[in-house]
Each structure stands twice: as C-alpha cells, then as structure tokens.
Amino acid sequence: MPSLISGFFPRILLLKAIFHLRFIFSDDKKLILNPECCSDFIRIQLDPDFYGRLDLFDQRFKDGVPSLKECDSLTIRGDVRFEEGVTIKGRVVIQNNQPSQAVIKNGTTIDANMVLGA
C-alpha cells in the first residue's frame, strides 16, 4: 500500500486511517489529485465509532464520497450518511447529536458547520 503514495504532491493529506484514501481514489483505484483543488492542504477527521472500519465507512458513503475539491477541512462526528452529489467547501464540521443516522441529501452543498439533532 505505501507504494501508492510516492513522489511529491502539492495537496497534502493528513490521513487518520488508511480508508481515508478513498477520498482521493479515482474509479480505477489509482491515486489522483484534482488540479482544480483550491488549497494545498486538507484535513479529514471521521468519527471512529461510525467510520473506524472499512465496512462502516462503505455503508455511510455507499453512493460515493462528497466532492472535496474546495474543502480545506472536514470533521464528521456521529453517524452521518451521504447520498450522491454532495459538495463540501471550506472548513466544515458535521455533527450528528441524534441517536439515529442522519442523511445528507443528494445535491447538498455544505459550506458551514452543521449540527443535526441539536
């Protein structure tokens, strides 16, 4: 797996776990960096209780991961599932305080912190 990340990349990722690589994999499983990215740095933190295993991760992103090309930072706390076509911009914290899973609907753009079930 380490051979997938070689060379210098202008967009640096801090990965808390190997499954975060899914945010930057193309459909053919090759590591790609989007040249349209607006920043040189992205930080992704996912709640380990709901994203800590690959099967849990896949359940919450079964329609695909959100577009992060304009995202500087993404933190997800709690159980949140994403439908397809979601875009995240800037620095965003998504927090689900509900006991049940929250769903971010198809086509949603998130550019500010979001608290669900407050």
N, C-alpha and C. Protein backbone atom coordinates (compact mmCIF):
# COMPACT_ATOMS: atom_id res chain seq x y z
N MET A 1 0.81 -1.20 0.00
CA MET A 1 0.00 0.00 0.00
C MET A 1 0.85 1.28 0.00
N PRO A 2 1.99 1.36 0.71
CA PRO A 2 2.77 2.58 0.68
C PRO A 2 3.23 2.99 -0.71
N SER A 3 3.36 2.06 -1.63
CA SER A 3 3.81 2.41 -2.98
C SER A 3 2.78 3.26 -3.72
N LEU A 4 1.53 3.28 -3.23
CA LEU A 4 0.53 4.11 -3.87
C LEU A 4 0.82 5.60 -3.70
N ILE A 5 1.49 5.96 -2.62
CA ILE A 5 1.78 7.36 -2.35
C ILE A 5 3.28 7.56 -2.51
N SER A 6 3.68 7.98 -3.67
CA SER A 6 5.10 8.22 -3.90
C SER A 6 5.24 9.50 -4.69
N GLY A 7 6.36 10.15 -4.51
CA GLY A 7 6.59 11.41 -5.20
C GLY A 7 6.04 12.58 -4.41
N PHE A 8 6.14 13.75 -4.98
CA PHE A 8 5.70 14.97 -4.32
C PHE A 8 4.32 15.35 -4.83
N PHE A 9 3.42 15.64 -3.92
CA PHE A 9 2.08 16.08 -4.27
C PHE A 9 1.83 17.44 -3.64
N PRO A 10 1.37 18.42 -4.42
CA PRO A 10 1.13 19.75 -3.87
C PRO A 10 -0.02 19.81 -2.88
N ARG A 11 -0.97 18.90 -2.94
CA ARG A 11 -2.09 18.88 -2.00
C ARG A 11 -1.81 17.79 -0.97
N ILE A 12 -1.48 18.19 0.24
CA ILE A 12 -1.08 17.29 1.30
C ILE A 12 -2.31 16.82 2.07
N LEU A 13 -2.36 15.55 2.38
CA LEU A 13 -3.48 15.00 3.14
C LEU A 13 -2.97 14.45 4.47
N LEU A 14 -3.65 14.79 5.54
CA LEU A 14 -3.39 14.15 6.81
C LEU A 14 -4.42 13.04 6.96
N LEU A 15 -3.97 11.83 6.94
CA LEU A 15 -4.89 10.70 6.98
C LEU A 15 -4.84 10.07 8.36
N LYS A 16 -5.99 9.99 9.02
CA LYS A 16 -6.07 9.36 10.33
C LYS A 16 -6.11 7.84 10.22
N ALA A 17 -6.51 7.33 9.07
CA ALA A 17 -6.55 5.88 8.84
C ALA A 17 -6.48 5.64 7.34
N ILE A 18 -6.10 4.45 6.96
CA ILE A 18 -5.88 4.15 5.54
C ILE A 18 -7.14 4.31 4.71
N PHE A 19 -8.33 4.10 5.30
CA PHE A 19 -9.54 4.21 4.49
C PHE A 19 -9.82 5.63 4.04
N HIS A 20 -9.17 6.62 4.61
CA HIS A 20 -9.33 7.99 4.13
C HIS A 20 -8.83 8.15 2.70
N LEU A 21 -8.01 7.22 2.25
CA LEU A 21 -7.53 7.27 0.87
C LEU A 21 -8.68 7.20 -0.12
N ARG A 22 -9.82 6.66 0.29
CA ARG A 22 -10.95 6.58 -0.63
C ARG A 22 -11.41 7.96 -1.08
N PHE A 23 -11.11 8.99 -0.32
CA PHE A 23 -11.50 10.33 -0.72
C PHE A 23 -10.73 10.81 -1.94
N ILE A 24 -9.60 10.20 -2.22
CA ILE A 24 -8.79 10.68 -3.34
C ILE A 24 -8.56 9.62 -4.41
N PHE A 25 -9.16 8.45 -4.29
CA PHE A 25 -9.03 7.43 -5.31
C PHE A 25 -9.99 7.71 -6.46
N SER A 26 -9.52 7.47 -7.65
CA SER A 26 -10.41 7.52 -8.80
C SER A 26 -11.10 6.16 -8.93
N ASP A 27 -12.01 6.04 -9.90
CA ASP A 27 -12.74 4.81 -10.08
C ASP A 27 -11.84 3.62 -10.43
N ASP A 28 -10.69 3.89 -11.04
CA ASP A 28 -9.81 2.79 -11.40
C ASP A 28 -8.77 2.50 -10.32
N LYS A 29 -9.01 3.02 -9.11
CA LYS A 29 -8.18 2.76 -7.92
C LYS A 29 -6.77 3.30 -8.02
N LYS A 30 -6.57 4.32 -8.85
CA LYS A 30 -5.28 4.98 -8.90
C LYS A 30 -5.37 6.29 -8.13
N LEU A 31 -4.29 6.61 -7.45
CA LEU A 31 -4.25 7.84 -6.67
C LEU A 31 -4.18 9.04 -7.61
N ILE A 32 -5.16 9.93 -7.48
CA ILE A 32 -5.16 11.13 -8.31
C ILE A 32 -5.39 12.35 -7.42
N LEU A 33 -4.86 13.45 -7.83
CA LEU A 33 -5.08 14.72 -7.14
C LEU A 33 -5.76 15.65 -8.13
N ASN A 34 -6.85 16.22 -7.72
CA ASN A 34 -7.63 17.07 -8.60
C ASN A 34 -6.91 18.41 -8.81
N PRO A 35 -6.56 18.77 -10.04
CA PRO A 35 -5.85 20.03 -10.28
C PRO A 35 -6.72 21.26 -10.00
N GLU A 36 -8.03 21.08 -9.84
CA GLU A 36 -8.92 22.19 -9.54
C GLU A 36 -9.00 22.50 -8.05
N CYS A 37 -8.28 21.75 -7.21
CA CYS A 37 -8.32 22.00 -5.77
C CYS A 37 -7.86 23.41 -5.46
N CYS A 38 -8.54 24.01 -4.50
CA CYS A 38 -8.27 25.41 -4.17
C CYS A 38 -7.19 25.59 -3.12
N SER A 39 -6.93 24.59 -2.30
CA SER A 39 -5.93 24.74 -1.25
C SER A 39 -4.87 23.66 -1.37
N ASP A 40 -3.77 23.86 -0.66
CA ASP A 40 -2.67 22.91 -0.69
C ASP A 40 -2.75 21.89 0.43
N PHE A 41 -3.77 21.98 1.27
CA PHE A 41 -3.84 21.17 2.48
C PHE A 41 -5.28 20.78 2.76
N ILE A 42 -5.52 19.55 3.12
CA ILE A 42 -6.85 19.13 3.56
C ILE A 42 -6.69 18.19 4.74
N ARG A 43 -7.52 18.40 5.73
CA ARG A 43 -7.52 17.55 6.92
C ARG A 43 -8.88 16.88 7.02
N ILE A 44 -8.87 15.56 7.17
CA ILE A 44 -10.11 14.80 7.27
C ILE A 44 -10.09 14.02 8.57
N GLN A 45 -11.12 14.25 9.40
CA GLN A 45 -11.27 13.52 10.66
C GLN A 45 -12.67 12.93 10.69
N LEU A 46 -12.74 11.62 10.82
CA LEU A 46 -14.02 10.92 10.85
C LEU A 46 -14.19 10.21 12.18
N ASP A 47 -15.40 10.25 12.72
CA ASP A 47 -15.71 9.61 14.00
C ASP A 47 -15.39 8.12 13.91
N PRO A 48 -14.46 7.63 14.73
CA PRO A 48 -14.05 6.23 14.63
C PRO A 48 -15.16 5.25 14.99
N ASP A 49 -16.16 5.67 15.77
CA ASP A 49 -17.26 4.78 16.12
C ASP A 49 -18.12 4.43 14.91
N PHE A 50 -18.16 5.32 13.92
CA PHE A 50 -19.02 5.11 12.76
C PHE A 50 -18.26 4.96 11.44
N TYR A 51 -16.98 5.28 11.45
CA TYR A 51 -16.16 5.19 10.23
C TYR A 51 -14.87 4.42 10.45
N GLY A 52 -14.72 3.82 11.62
CA GLY A 52 -13.46 3.20 12.02
C GLY A 52 -13.13 1.87 11.35
N ARG A 53 -14.10 1.27 10.69
CA ARG A 53 -13.86 0.05 9.94
C ARG A 53 -14.31 0.28 8.51
N LEU A 54 -13.69 -0.41 7.59
CA LEU A 54 -13.99 -0.22 6.18
C LEU A 54 -15.46 -0.50 5.85
N ASP A 55 -16.05 -1.52 6.46
CA ASP A 55 -17.46 -1.82 6.18
C ASP A 55 -18.37 -0.69 6.67
N LEU A 56 -18.04 -0.09 7.83
CA LEU A 56 -18.82 1.04 8.34
C LEU A 56 -18.67 2.26 7.43
N PHE A 57 -17.44 2.49 7.00
CA PHE A 57 -17.16 3.59 6.08
C PHE A 57 -17.98 3.43 4.80
N ASP A 58 -17.95 2.24 4.22
CA ASP A 58 -18.66 1.98 2.97
C ASP A 58 -20.16 2.16 3.12
N GLN A 59 -20.73 1.81 4.26
CA GLN A 59 -22.16 2.00 4.49
C GLN A 59 -22.55 3.48 4.46
N ARG A 60 -21.70 4.34 4.94
CA ARG A 60 -22.02 5.76 5.03
C ARG A 60 -21.71 6.52 3.74
N PHE A 61 -20.91 5.93 2.87
CA PHE A 61 -20.58 6.54 1.59
C PHE A 61 -20.92 5.60 0.44
N LYS A 62 -21.99 4.83 0.57
CA LYS A 62 -22.31 3.83 -0.46
C LYS A 62 -22.67 4.46 -1.80
N ASP A 63 -23.09 5.73 -1.80
CA ASP A 63 -23.40 6.43 -3.05
C ASP A 63 -22.22 7.25 -3.56
N GLY A 64 -21.08 7.16 -2.88
CA GLY A 64 -19.89 7.90 -3.26
C GLY A 64 -19.53 8.94 -2.22
N VAL A 65 -18.27 9.30 -2.18
CA VAL A 65 -17.81 10.31 -1.22
C VAL A 65 -18.14 11.70 -1.75
N PRO A 66 -18.28 12.67 -0.85
CA PRO A 66 -18.57 14.04 -1.30
C PRO A 66 -17.41 14.63 -2.10
N SER A 67 -17.73 15.63 -2.92
CA SER A 67 -16.67 16.37 -3.60
C SER A 67 -15.96 17.23 -2.56
N LEU A 68 -14.64 17.12 -2.52
CA LEU A 68 -13.83 17.88 -1.56
C LEU A 68 -12.85 18.82 -2.24
N LYS A 69 -13.06 19.10 -3.53
CA LYS A 69 -12.06 19.88 -4.26
C LYS A 69 -11.94 21.32 -3.74
N GLU A 70 -12.97 21.82 -3.05
CA GLU A 70 -12.89 23.16 -2.45
C GLU A 70 -12.92 23.09 -0.93
N CYS A 71 -12.60 21.93 -0.38
CA CYS A 71 -12.64 21.70 1.07
C CYS A 71 -11.23 21.83 1.65
N ASP A 72 -11.13 22.57 2.76
CA ASP A 72 -9.87 22.69 3.49
C ASP A 72 -9.80 21.73 4.66
N SER A 73 -10.96 21.45 5.27
CA SER A 73 -11.01 20.62 6.45
C SER A 73 -12.41 20.03 6.58
N LEU A 74 -12.48 18.73 6.90
CA LEU A 74 -13.76 18.07 7.13
C LEU A 74 -13.65 17.22 8.37
N THR A 75 -14.55 17.48 9.33
CA THR A 75 -14.67 16.67 10.54
C THR A 75 -16.10 16.18 10.61
N ILE A 76 -16.26 14.88 10.82
CA ILE A 76 -17.60 14.30 10.97
C ILE A 76 -17.66 13.62 12.33
N ARG A 77 -18.63 14.04 13.15
CA ARG A 77 -18.86 13.45 14.47
C ARG A 77 -20.26 12.86 14.48
N GLY A 78 -20.36 11.62 14.87
CA GLY A 78 -21.66 10.96 14.90
C GLY A 78 -21.90 10.19 13.62
N ASP A 79 -23.11 9.62 13.53
CA ASP A 79 -23.48 8.75 12.42
C ASP A 79 -24.13 9.58 11.31
N VAL A 80 -23.40 9.77 10.23
CA VAL A 80 -23.88 10.57 9.10
C VAL A 80 -23.64 9.79 7.81
N ARG A 81 -24.69 9.67 7.00
CA ARG A 81 -24.58 9.00 5.70
C ARG A 81 -24.76 10.04 4.61
N PHE A 82 -24.03 9.87 3.52
CA PHE A 82 -24.05 10.82 2.41
C PHE A 82 -24.66 10.18 1.18
N GLU A 83 -25.63 10.87 0.58
CA GLU A 83 -26.14 10.46 -0.72
C GLU A 83 -25.20 11.03 -1.78
N GLU A 84 -25.42 10.69 -3.04
CA GLU A 84 -24.53 11.13 -4.11
C GLU A 84 -24.66 12.64 -4.36
N GLY A 85 -23.64 13.19 -4.96
CA GLY A 85 -23.68 14.58 -5.40
C GLY A 85 -23.53 15.60 -4.30
N VAL A 86 -22.98 15.23 -3.15
CA VAL A 86 -22.77 16.17 -2.05
C VAL A 86 -21.43 16.88 -2.26
N THR A 87 -21.42 18.19 -2.01
CA THR A 87 -20.21 19.00 -2.14
C THR A 87 -19.92 19.66 -0.80
N ILE A 88 -18.65 19.62 -0.39
CA ILE A 88 -18.24 20.26 0.86
C ILE A 88 -17.17 21.28 0.52
N LYS A 89 -17.36 22.52 1.04
CA LYS A 89 -16.46 23.63 0.74
C LYS A 89 -15.95 24.26 2.03
N GLY A 90 -14.69 24.67 2.02
CA GLY A 90 -14.12 25.37 3.16
C GLY A 90 -13.81 24.44 4.33
N ARG A 91 -13.94 24.98 5.54
CA ARG A 91 -13.71 24.22 6.77
C ARG A 91 -15.07 23.86 7.35
N VAL A 92 -15.35 22.57 7.43
CA VAL A 92 -16.68 22.12 7.83
C VAL A 92 -16.59 21.06 8.92
N VAL A 93 -17.45 21.23 9.93
CA VAL A 93 -17.68 20.20 10.94
C VAL A 93 -19.15 19.80 10.83
N ILE A 94 -19.38 18.51 10.66
CA ILE A 94 -20.74 17.98 10.64
C ILE A 94 -20.89 17.13 11.89
N GLN A 95 -21.87 17.49 12.72
CA GLN A 95 -22.06 16.79 13.98
C GLN A 95 -23.51 16.32 14.09
N ASN A 96 -23.67 15.02 14.26
CA ASN A 96 -24.99 14.43 14.45
C ASN A 96 -25.16 14.07 15.91
N ASN A 97 -26.05 14.79 16.61
CA ASN A 97 -26.32 14.52 18.02
C ASN A 97 -27.49 13.56 18.22
N GLN A 98 -28.13 13.14 17.14
CA GLN A 98 -29.27 12.24 17.21
C GLN A 98 -28.81 10.81 17.46
N PRO A 99 -29.65 9.99 18.08
CA PRO A 99 -29.28 8.58 18.24
C PRO A 99 -29.38 7.79 16.94
N SER A 100 -30.12 8.32 15.97
CA SER A 100 -30.27 7.65 14.68
C SER A 100 -29.36 8.30 13.63
N GLN A 101 -29.15 7.59 12.54
CA GLN A 101 -28.29 8.07 11.47
C GLN A 101 -28.92 9.28 10.77
N ALA A 102 -28.12 10.29 10.53
CA ALA A 102 -28.55 11.46 9.75
C ALA A 102 -28.13 11.24 8.30
N VAL A 103 -28.89 11.80 7.37
CA VAL A 103 -28.60 11.63 5.95
C VAL A 103 -28.43 13.01 5.31
N ILE A 104 -27.31 13.19 4.62
CA ILE A 104 -27.08 14.40 3.83
C ILE A 104 -27.60 14.08 2.43
N LYS A 105 -28.61 14.82 2.02
CA LYS A 105 -29.36 14.52 0.79
C LYS A 105 -28.58 14.82 -0.49
N ASN A 106 -28.97 14.14 -1.54
CA ASN A 106 -28.41 14.28 -2.88
C ASN A 106 -28.36 15.75 -3.29
N GLY A 107 -27.20 16.17 -3.79
CA GLY A 107 -27.06 17.52 -4.33
C GLY A 107 -26.80 18.61 -3.31
N THR A 108 -26.67 18.25 -2.04
CA THR A 108 -26.45 19.26 -0.99
C THR A 108 -25.04 19.83 -1.08
N THR A 109 -24.93 21.15 -0.90
CA THR A 109 -23.63 21.81 -0.76
C THR A 109 -23.53 22.30 0.68
N ILE A 110 -22.44 21.94 1.35
CA ILE A 110 -22.22 22.34 2.74
C ILE A 110 -20.99 23.22 2.77
N ASP A 111 -21.16 24.46 3.24
CA ASP A 111 -20.04 25.39 3.32
C ASP A 111 -19.94 26.06 4.68
N ALA A 112 -20.63 25.47 5.68
CA ALA A 112 -20.58 25.95 7.05
C ALA A 112 -20.80 24.76 7.97
N ASN A 113 -20.47 24.92 9.24
CA ASN A 113 -20.67 23.83 10.20
C ASN A 113 -22.14 23.46 10.25
N MET A 114 -22.40 22.19 10.51
CA MET A 114 -23.77 21.68 10.52
C MET A 114 -23.95 20.82 11.77
N VAL A 115 -24.95 21.18 12.59
CA VAL A 115 -25.29 20.38 13.77
C VAL A 115 -26.67 19.80 13.53
N LEU A 116 -26.77 18.49 13.59
CA LEU A 116 -28.02 17.79 13.33
C LEU A 116 -28.56 17.26 14.65
N GLY A 117 -29.84 17.46 14.89
CA GLY A 117 -30.45 16.98 16.14
C GLY A 117 -30.02 17.75 17.36
N ALA A 118 -29.82 19.04 17.18
CA ALA A 118 -29.36 19.89 18.30
C ALA A 118 -30.40 20.01 19.38
